[in-house]
């Protein structure tokens, strides 16, 4: 019980660059449905909550959460840190670690996330980020926090930019935190920093649809390396 892990899927429809991107269709499924289904395959995660805003447009997520039989909580639209910590305060305190799942990464890789969680717990770090000077494809995995660190950031971070990009406060104040980042080098089979799998533009959507179609019949634990091979071959 002491190492229970909670995944919070951060999602909203009022995005500026690609409006309603989380209900865009990929292989005839909504992006958010794919994300929920894939995060459920992460063995190390004990519970999943859909975390959206109080904006009326995001009411659509209520039915989505119901269909997937997961809990949904709503909070501040632009203050993601407050939304996360408010949610944590509403649930039981047996969770020690929080995985912040970006709701615009439909090709998240469960086996990669499982491995990242194991390494993070073993390291006894305050947070792990795959995005800082990313070496793996951007969107394979997510930031992991010790729960108490999120409350520490809330106490210390005053600037608006840290309310959305939470881990940036830690990188800007490295002496206050023990941070774990990827140690993989260019010889690693997972080294592919140019592969972007976050959904921000129509071009991203086209790329993700292409890869999703190529990967759909490949076992999910083999998809990370296959995605990299497909990307490298296409861009050789």
Protein backbone atom coordinates (compact mmCIF):
# COMPACT_ATOMS: atom_id res chain seq x y z
CA UNK A 1 0.00 0.00 0.00
CA UNK A 2 2.86 2.41 0.74
CA UNK A 3 3.80 2.74 -2.94
CA UNK A 4 0.33 3.14 -4.45
CA UNK A 5 0.37 5.02 -7.75
CA UNK A 6 -2.36 7.26 -9.11
CA UNK A 7 -2.59 8.34 -12.75
CA UNK A 8 -4.27 11.67 -13.44
CA UNK A 9 -5.23 12.18 -17.08
CA UNK A 10 -5.14 15.93 -17.74
CA UNK A 11 -7.64 16.87 -20.44
CA UNK A 12 -9.71 19.75 -21.77
CA UNK A 13 -11.37 20.62 -25.08
CA UNK A 14 -10.67 24.36 -25.19
CA UNK A 15 -7.17 23.99 -26.66
CA UNK A 16 -5.96 26.83 -28.88
CA UNK A 17 -3.66 25.13 -31.39
CA UNK A 18 -5.93 22.21 -32.24
CA UNK A 19 -9.44 22.75 -30.81
CA UNK A 20 -11.20 19.67 -29.41
CA UNK A 21 -8.12 17.60 -30.18
CA UNK A 22 -8.94 15.03 -27.51
CA UNK A 23 -12.06 13.92 -29.35
CA UNK A 24 -10.40 13.81 -32.78
CA UNK A 25 -10.73 10.36 -34.32
CA UNK A 26 -7.79 7.98 -34.73
CA UNK A 27 -8.67 4.63 -36.26
CA UNK A 28 -12.37 5.46 -35.64
CA UNK A 29 -11.77 6.02 -31.91
CA UNK A 30 -11.61 9.27 -29.96
CA UNK A 31 -8.10 10.26 -28.89
CA UNK A 32 -9.12 10.37 -25.21
CA UNK A 33 -10.66 6.87 -25.44
CA UNK A 34 -7.37 5.53 -26.80
CA UNK A 35 -5.40 7.23 -24.04
CA UNK A 36 -7.59 5.80 -21.29
CA UNK A 37 -7.48 2.30 -22.79
CA UNK A 38 -3.69 2.38 -23.09
CA UNK A 39 -3.01 3.81 -19.62
CA UNK A 40 -5.15 1.00 -18.18
CA UNK A 41 -2.50 -1.40 -19.51
CA UNK A 42 0.22 0.09 -17.28
CA UNK A 43 0.70 -2.59 -14.64
CA UNK A 44 2.24 -0.33 -12.00
CA UNK A 45 -0.72 2.07 -11.86
CA UNK A 46 -3.31 1.39 -9.15
CA UNK A 47 -5.99 3.88 -10.09
CA UNK A 48 -6.89 6.32 -12.89
CA UNK A 49 -8.82 9.58 -12.65
CA UNK A 50 -9.86 11.79 -15.55
CA UNK A 51 -9.02 15.35 -14.55
CA UNK A 52 -10.70 18.10 -16.55
CA UNK A 53 -11.80 21.70 -16.09
CA UNK A 54 -14.97 23.38 -14.86
CA UNK A 55 -15.50 24.94 -18.28
CA UNK A 56 -18.95 23.83 -19.57
CA UNK A 57 -17.34 22.59 -22.81
CA UNK A 58 -15.57 19.88 -20.79
CA UNK A 59 -18.82 18.34 -19.55
CA UNK A 60 -18.40 15.91 -22.46
CA UNK A 61 -15.70 14.11 -20.45
CA UNK A 62 -18.23 13.08 -17.80
CA UNK A 63 -19.83 10.56 -20.17
CA UNK A 64 -16.42 9.42 -21.41
CA UNK A 65 -15.28 8.67 -17.86
CA UNK A 66 -18.54 6.82 -17.19
CA UNK A 67 -18.04 4.67 -20.29
CA UNK A 68 -14.56 3.68 -19.09
CA UNK A 69 -15.74 3.18 -15.49
CA UNK A 70 -13.21 5.62 -14.07
CA UNK A 71 -13.70 8.59 -11.78
CA UNK A 72 -13.71 12.16 -13.08
CA UNK A 73 -12.88 15.32 -11.16
CA UNK A 74 -13.08 18.91 -12.40
CA UNK A 75 -11.20 22.05 -11.42
CA UNK A 76 -9.38 25.16 -12.62
CA UNK A 77 -9.06 25.34 -16.41
CA UNK A 78 -5.69 27.10 -16.59
CA UNK A 79 -4.17 26.39 -13.17
CA UNK A 80 -3.24 22.75 -13.71
CA UNK A 81 -1.26 22.58 -10.46
CA UNK A 82 -4.32 23.63 -8.48
CA UNK A 83 -6.49 21.20 -10.43
CA UNK A 84 -4.13 18.33 -9.61
CA UNK A 85 -3.67 19.15 -5.93
CA UNK A 86 -7.38 19.81 -5.41
CA UNK A 87 -8.09 16.37 -6.86
CA UNK A 88 -5.50 14.71 -4.63
CA UNK A 89 -7.06 16.34 -1.56
CA UNK A 90 -10.47 14.92 -2.49
CA UNK A 91 -9.29 11.31 -2.66
CA UNK A 92 -7.71 9.04 -0.07
CA UNK A 93 -4.11 9.67 0.92
CA UNK A 94 -2.75 6.18 0.32
CA UNK A 95 -1.21 7.26 -2.97
CA UNK A 96 2.47 8.08 -2.76
CA UNK A 97 3.19 8.71 -6.45
CA UNK A 98 1.31 10.67 -9.11
CA UNK A 99 1.69 10.06 -12.85
CA UNK A 100 0.55 13.13 -14.77
CA UNK A 101 -0.80 11.72 -18.01
CA UNK A 102 -0.96 14.23 -20.85
CA UNK A 103 -4.34 13.86 -22.51
CA UNK A 104 -2.91 14.58 -25.94
CA UNK A 105 -0.49 11.62 -26.20
CA UNK A 106 -2.49 8.73 -27.70
CA UNK A 107 0.63 6.65 -28.43
CA UNK A 108 1.75 6.45 -24.82
CA UNK A 109 3.64 3.21 -24.25
CA UNK A 110 2.58 1.14 -21.20
CA UNK A 111 5.78 -0.93 -21.05
CA UNK A 112 7.91 2.23 -21.12
CA UNK A 113 5.82 3.86 -18.37
CA UNK A 114 6.05 0.73 -16.21
CA UNK A 115 9.83 0.77 -16.53
CA UNK A 116 10.01 4.51 -15.80
CA UNK A 117 7.89 4.07 -12.66
CA UNK A 118 10.12 1.25 -11.41
CA UNK A 119 13.28 3.30 -12.01
CA UNK A 120 11.73 6.33 -10.35
CA UNK A 121 10.75 4.47 -7.18
CA UNK A 122 14.16 2.82 -7.02
CA UNK A 123 15.93 6.18 -7.38
CA UNK A 124 13.97 7.77 -4.52
CA UNK A 125 13.79 10.97 -6.58
CA UNK A 126 11.25 13.75 -6.16
CA UNK A 127 10.18 13.70 -9.78
CA UNK A 128 10.99 12.08 -13.10
CA UNK A 129 10.65 13.82 -16.46
CA UNK A 130 11.02 12.22 -19.91
CA UNK A 131 10.55 15.66 -21.48
CA UNK A 132 13.63 17.45 -20.16
CA UNK A 133 16.10 17.31 -23.05
CA UNK A 134 14.03 14.37 -24.26
CA UNK A 135 15.85 11.35 -25.62
CA UNK A 136 12.94 8.96 -26.02
CA UNK A 137 10.12 9.87 -28.40
CA UNK A 138 8.10 12.76 -27.00
CA UNK A 139 4.85 11.19 -25.78
CA UNK A 140 6.01 7.66 -24.88
CA UNK A 141 5.98 8.42 -21.14
CA UNK A 142 5.04 11.10 -18.60
CA UNK A 143 6.21 13.08 -15.61
CA UNK A 144 6.03 11.23 -12.29
CA UNK A 145 5.92 13.05 -8.96
CA UNK A 146 6.10 12.07 -5.35
CA UNK A 147 2.75 13.33 -4.12
CA UNK A 148 4.26 15.52 -1.42
CA UNK A 149 6.39 17.32 -4.01
CA UNK A 150 3.30 18.64 -5.75
CA UNK A 151 2.25 20.34 -2.51
CA UNK A 152 5.78 21.68 -2.06
CA UNK A 153 5.66 23.21 -5.55
CA UNK A 154 2.27 24.71 -4.73
CA UNK A 155 3.72 26.41 -1.65
CA UNK A 156 6.82 27.75 -3.40
CA UNK A 157 5.83 28.48 -7.02
CA UNK A 158 4.33 31.92 -7.47
CA UNK A 159 4.68 32.60 -11.19
CA UNK A 160 1.76 31.83 -13.49
CA UNK A 161 3.90 29.77 -15.89
CA UNK A 162 4.55 27.16 -13.19
CA UNK A 163 0.82 26.60 -12.64
CA UNK A 164 0.63 24.89 -16.04
CA UNK A 165 4.18 23.65 -16.63
CA UNK A 166 4.65 22.32 -13.13
CA UNK A 167 7.93 20.44 -13.40
CA UNK A 168 9.62 23.51 -14.91
CA UNK A 169 9.65 25.02 -11.43
CA UNK A 170 11.77 22.08 -10.28
CA UNK A 171 14.22 22.43 -13.17
CA UNK A 172 14.47 26.16 -12.50
CA UNK A 173 15.18 25.40 -8.82
CA UNK A 174 17.28 22.24 -9.07
CA UNK A 175 18.87 22.60 -5.64
CA UNK A 176 15.48 22.13 -4.00
CA UNK A 177 14.63 18.84 -5.74
CA UNK A 178 16.07 15.46 -6.61
CA UNK A 179 15.26 15.04 -10.30
CA UNK A 180 15.50 11.87 -12.38
CA UNK A 181 15.90 12.14 -16.15
CA UNK A 182 16.57 9.55 -18.84
CA UNK A 183 20.12 8.22 -18.90
CA UNK A 184 19.83 6.54 -22.28
CA UNK A 185 22.42 7.41 -24.94
CA UNK A 186 22.48 7.37 -28.74
CA UNK A 187 23.17 3.62 -28.76
CA UNK A 188 19.90 2.82 -27.00
CA UNK A 189 17.17 1.26 -29.12
CA UNK A 190 14.76 3.82 -27.64
CA UNK A 191 16.85 6.87 -28.45
CA UNK A 192 14.77 8.90 -30.90
CA UNK A 193 14.33 12.51 -29.75
CA UNK A 194 12.97 13.68 -33.10
CA UNK A 195 9.84 11.52 -32.94
CA UNK A 196 7.04 13.74 -31.61
CA UNK A 197 3.88 11.94 -30.55
CA UNK A 198 2.02 14.75 -28.82
CA UNK A 199 -1.12 15.98 -30.59
CA UNK A 200 -0.89 19.75 -31.10
CA UNK A 201 -1.50 20.30 -34.81
CA UNK A 202 -3.17 18.73 -37.84
CA UNK A 203 0.29 17.61 -38.95
CA UNK A 204 0.72 15.79 -35.62
CA UNK A 205 -2.67 14.15 -36.09
CA UNK A 206 -1.67 12.89 -39.53
CA UNK A 207 1.61 11.47 -38.17
CA UNK A 208 -0.08 9.75 -35.23
CA UNK A 209 -2.83 8.27 -37.42
CA UNK A 210 -0.17 6.86 -39.75
CA UNK A 211 1.79 5.25 -36.89
CA UNK A 212 -1.32 4.01 -35.12
CA UNK A 213 -2.42 2.19 -38.28
CA UNK A 214 1.02 0.62 -38.66
CA UNK A 215 1.14 -0.49 -35.02
CA UNK A 216 -2.42 -1.72 -34.47
CA UNK A 217 -1.60 -5.41 -35.04
CA UNK A 218 1.69 -5.37 -33.12
CA UNK A 219 1.69 -6.45 -29.43
CA UNK A 220 1.65 -3.34 -27.26
CA UNK A 221 4.90 -4.22 -25.45
CA UNK A 222 6.69 -4.33 -28.83
CA UNK A 223 5.21 -1.11 -30.16
CA UNK A 224 7.84 1.32 -28.77
CA UNK A 225 10.72 -0.04 -30.81
CA UNK A 226 8.51 -0.69 -33.84
CA UNK A 227 7.28 2.92 -33.79
CA UNK A 228 10.87 4.14 -33.79
CA UNK A 229 11.83 1.79 -36.65
CA UNK A 230 8.86 2.93 -38.74
CA UNK A 231 9.66 6.59 -38.09
CA UNK A 232 13.34 6.21 -38.95
CA UNK A 233 12.59 4.27 -42.13
CA UNK A 234 10.04 6.87 -43.26
CA UNK A 235 12.46 9.73 -42.56
CA UNK A 236 15.67 8.10 -43.79
